C-alpha atoms as a PDB file:
ATOM      1  CA  MET A   1       1.868 -23.765  -1.671  1.00  0.00           C
ATOM      2  CA  PHE A   2       4.697 -24.246   0.179  1.00  0.00           C
ATOM      3  CA  ILE A   3       6.149 -22.122   2.956  1.00  0.00           C
ATOM      4  CA  LEU A   4       9.691 -22.752   4.244  1.00  0.00           C
ATOM      5  CA  PRO A   5       9.994 -23.120   7.316  1.00  0.00           C
ATOM      6  CA  GLU A   6      13.241 -21.271   7.927  1.00  0.00           C
ATOM      7  CA  LEU A   7      11.926 -18.419   6.325  1.00  0.00           C
ATOM      8  CA  SER A   8      10.747 -17.135   9.506  1.00  0.00           C
ATOM      9  CA  SER A   9       9.253 -13.328   9.547  1.00  0.00           C
ATOM     10  CA  ASP A  10      12.402 -11.739  11.761  1.00  0.00           C
ATOM     11  CA  LEU A  11      14.961 -13.831   9.787  1.00  0.00           C
ATOM     12  CA  LEU A  12      13.188 -12.641   6.529  1.00  0.00           C
ATOM     13  CA  TRP A  13      13.383  -8.698   7.657  1.00  0.00           C
ATOM     14  CA  ASN A  14      16.237  -8.761   9.360  1.00  0.00           C
ATOM     15  CA  ARG A  15      18.107  -9.997   6.163  1.00  0.00           C
ATOM     16  CA  LEU A  16      17.588  -6.609   4.555  1.00  0.00           C
ATOM     17  CA  GLN A  17      20.125  -4.072   4.910  1.00  0.00           C
ATOM     18  CA  GLU A  18      19.360  -0.685   6.578  1.00  0.00           C
ATOM     19  CA  PRO A  19      21.918   2.265   5.873  1.00  0.00           C
ATOM     20  CA  ALA A  20      22.921   4.209   9.114  1.00  0.00           C
ATOM     21  CA  ARG A  21      22.801   7.272   6.771  1.00  0.00           C
ATOM     22  CA  PRO A  22      21.181   8.062   3.808  1.00  0.00           C
ATOM     23  CA  ALA A  23      23.654   7.236   0.580  1.00  0.00           C
ATOM     24  CA  ALA A  24      23.708   9.524  -2.528  1.00  0.00           C
ATOM     25  CA  GLY A  25      20.634  11.942  -1.162  1.00  0.00           C
ATOM     26  CA  THR A  26      18.313   8.823  -1.196  1.00  0.00           C
ATOM     27  CA  PRO A  27      16.502   8.614   2.375  1.00  0.00           C
ATOM     28  CA  ALA A  28      17.353   5.447   4.831  1.00  0.00           C
ATOM     29  CA  ASP A  29      13.352   4.490   4.583  1.00  0.00           C
ATOM     30  CA  VAL A  30      13.320   4.387   0.747  1.00  0.00           C
ATOM     31  CA  LEU A  31      16.675   2.342   0.500  1.00  0.00           C
ATOM     32  CA  LEU A  32      15.121  -0.255   3.072  1.00  0.00           C
ATOM     33  CA  LEU A  33      12.188  -0.800   0.628  1.00  0.00           C
ATOM     34  CA  LEU A  34      14.150  -0.698  -2.013  1.00  0.00           C
ATOM     35  CA  SER A  35      16.432  -3.794  -0.498  1.00  0.00           C
ATOM     36  CA  ALA A  36      13.066  -5.412   0.827  1.00  0.00           C
ATOM     37  CA  LEU A  37      12.074  -5.608  -3.154  1.00  0.00           C
ATOM     38  CA  GLU A  38      15.407  -7.055  -4.213  1.00  0.00           C
ATOM     39  CA  ASN A  39      15.033  -9.531  -1.822  1.00  0.00           C
ATOM     40  CA  GLY A  40      11.365 -10.669  -2.881  1.00  0.00           C
ATOM     41  CA  TRP A  41       9.189  -9.009  -1.131  1.00  0.00           C
ATOM     42  CA  GLU A  42       6.201  -7.053  -2.787  1.00  0.00           C
ATOM     43  CA  ILE A  43       4.396  -3.849  -2.343  1.00  0.00           C
ATOM     44  CA  LEU A  44       0.496  -4.877  -1.134  1.00  0.00           C
ATOM     45  CA  ASP A  45      -0.724  -1.462  -0.513  1.00  0.00           C
ATOM     46  CA  ALA A  46       0.866   2.204   0.428  1.00  0.00           C
ATOM     47  CA  THR A  47      -1.341   4.640   2.204  1.00  0.00           C
ATOM     48  CA  LEU A  48      -0.713   8.719   2.863  1.00  0.00           C
ATOM     49  CA  TRP A  49      -1.632   9.736   6.337  1.00  0.00           C
ATOM     50  CA  ARG A  50      -4.012  12.656   6.526  1.00  0.00           C
ATOM     51  CA  HIS A  51      -4.234  14.988   9.442  1.00  0.00           C
ATOM     52  CA  PRO A  52      -7.370  15.691  11.304  1.00  0.00           C
ATOM     53  CA  SER A  53      -7.974  18.764   9.006  1.00  0.00           C
ATOM     54  CA  ASN A  54      -7.539  16.304   6.333  1.00  0.00           C
ATOM     55  CA  GLU A  55      -4.492  17.776   5.004  1.00  0.00           C
ATOM     56  CA  PRO A  56      -1.859  15.408   2.953  1.00  0.00           C
ATOM     57  CA  SER A  57       0.722  14.639   6.130  1.00  0.00           C
ATOM     58  CA  ASP A  58       4.532  14.137   5.387  1.00  0.00           C
ATOM     59  CA  LEU A  59       4.383   9.976   5.691  1.00  0.00           C
ATOM     60  CA  TYR A  60       3.213   6.392   3.872  1.00  0.00           C
ATOM     61  CA  SER A  61       2.328   3.814   5.468  1.00  0.00           C
ATOM     62  CA  VAL A  62       3.258   0.754   2.827  1.00  0.00           C
ATOM     63  CA  THR A  63       2.435  -2.810   3.576  1.00  0.00           C
ATOM     64  CA  VAL A  64       5.073  -5.148   2.037  1.00  0.00           C
ATOM     65  CA  PHE A  65       4.466  -9.189   1.502  1.00  0.00           C
ATOM     66  CA  HIS A  66       6.903 -12.356   0.943  1.00  0.00           C
ATOM     67  CA  PRO A  67       5.201 -14.465  -1.143  1.00  0.00           C
ATOM     68  CA  ARG A  68       7.861 -17.385  -0.104  1.00  0.00           C
ATOM     69  CA  ALA A  69       6.855 -17.178   3.678  1.00  0.00           C
ATOM     70  CA  LEU A  70       3.205 -15.911   3.457  1.00  0.00           C
ATOM     71  CA  ILE A  71       4.391 -12.858   5.487  1.00  0.00           C
ATOM     72  CA  THR A  72       3.389  -9.107   5.807  1.00  0.00           C
ATOM     73  CA  ARG A  73       5.875  -6.198   7.342  1.00  0.00           C
ATOM     74  CA  SER A  74       4.337  -2.490   7.754  1.00  0.00           C
ATOM     75  CA  LEU A  75       6.633   0.491   7.228  1.00  0.00           C
ATOM     76  CA  THR A  76       6.620   4.008   7.026  1.00  0.00           C
ATOM     77  CA  LEU A  77       8.226   6.195   4.436  1.00  0.00           C
ATOM     78  CA  ARG A  78       8.736  10.373   4.317  1.00  0.00           C
ATOM     79  CA  ASN A  79       6.340  11.888   1.616  1.00  0.00           C
ATOM     80  CA  THR A  80       9.973  12.478  -0.041  1.00  0.00           C
ATOM     81  CA  PRO A  81      10.611  12.726  -3.854  1.00  0.00           C
ATOM     82  CA  GLN A  82      12.248  10.067  -3.774  1.00  0.00           C
ATOM     83  CA  ALA A  83       9.086   8.301  -1.841  1.00  0.00           C
ATOM     84  CA  GLN A  84       6.937   9.243  -4.646  1.00  0.00           C
ATOM     85  CA  LYS A  85       9.006   7.828  -7.440  1.00  0.00           C
ATOM     86  CA  LEU A  86       9.293   4.874  -6.250  1.00  0.00           C
ATOM     87  CA  LEU A  87       5.521   4.590  -5.489  1.00  0.00           C
ATOM     88  CA  LYS A  88       5.206   5.380  -8.837  1.00  0.00           C
ATOM     89  CA  ASN A  89       7.631   3.203 -10.794  1.00  0.00           C
ATOM     90  CA  GLU A  90       5.611   0.516  -8.726  1.00  0.00           C
ATOM     91  CA  ALA A  91       2.647   1.319 -10.217  1.00  0.00           C
ATOM     92  CA  ILE A  92       1.203   1.664  -6.730  1.00  0.00           C
ATOM     93  CA  THR A  93      -2.291   3.220  -6.413  1.00  0.00           C
ATOM     94  CA  LEU A  94      -2.385   4.930  -2.859  1.00  0.00           C
ATOM     95  CA  VAL A  95      -5.253   4.076  -0.653  1.00  0.00           C
ATOM     96  CA  SER A  96      -6.605   7.069   1.238  1.00  0.00           C
END
């Protein structure tokens, strides 16, 4: 596999457009993940964080991977209907 030297982790991630505020009811964190997917990143896994009481929290930890540059990034999504729908549409199995 060939790794492109100009595709550094920061350059690839910083090219993503992170909105200043949610648009059309979609949270900014979901829009950032959508932008990553549109720019060649893939979701490796998603975990719904748990409280010590073992109840689901309101946050997902999502690991994304860029196959051409062989780099990963981690991001946090709020557990919203939009985030749930996106993960379901991407056929992501939640890790617990």
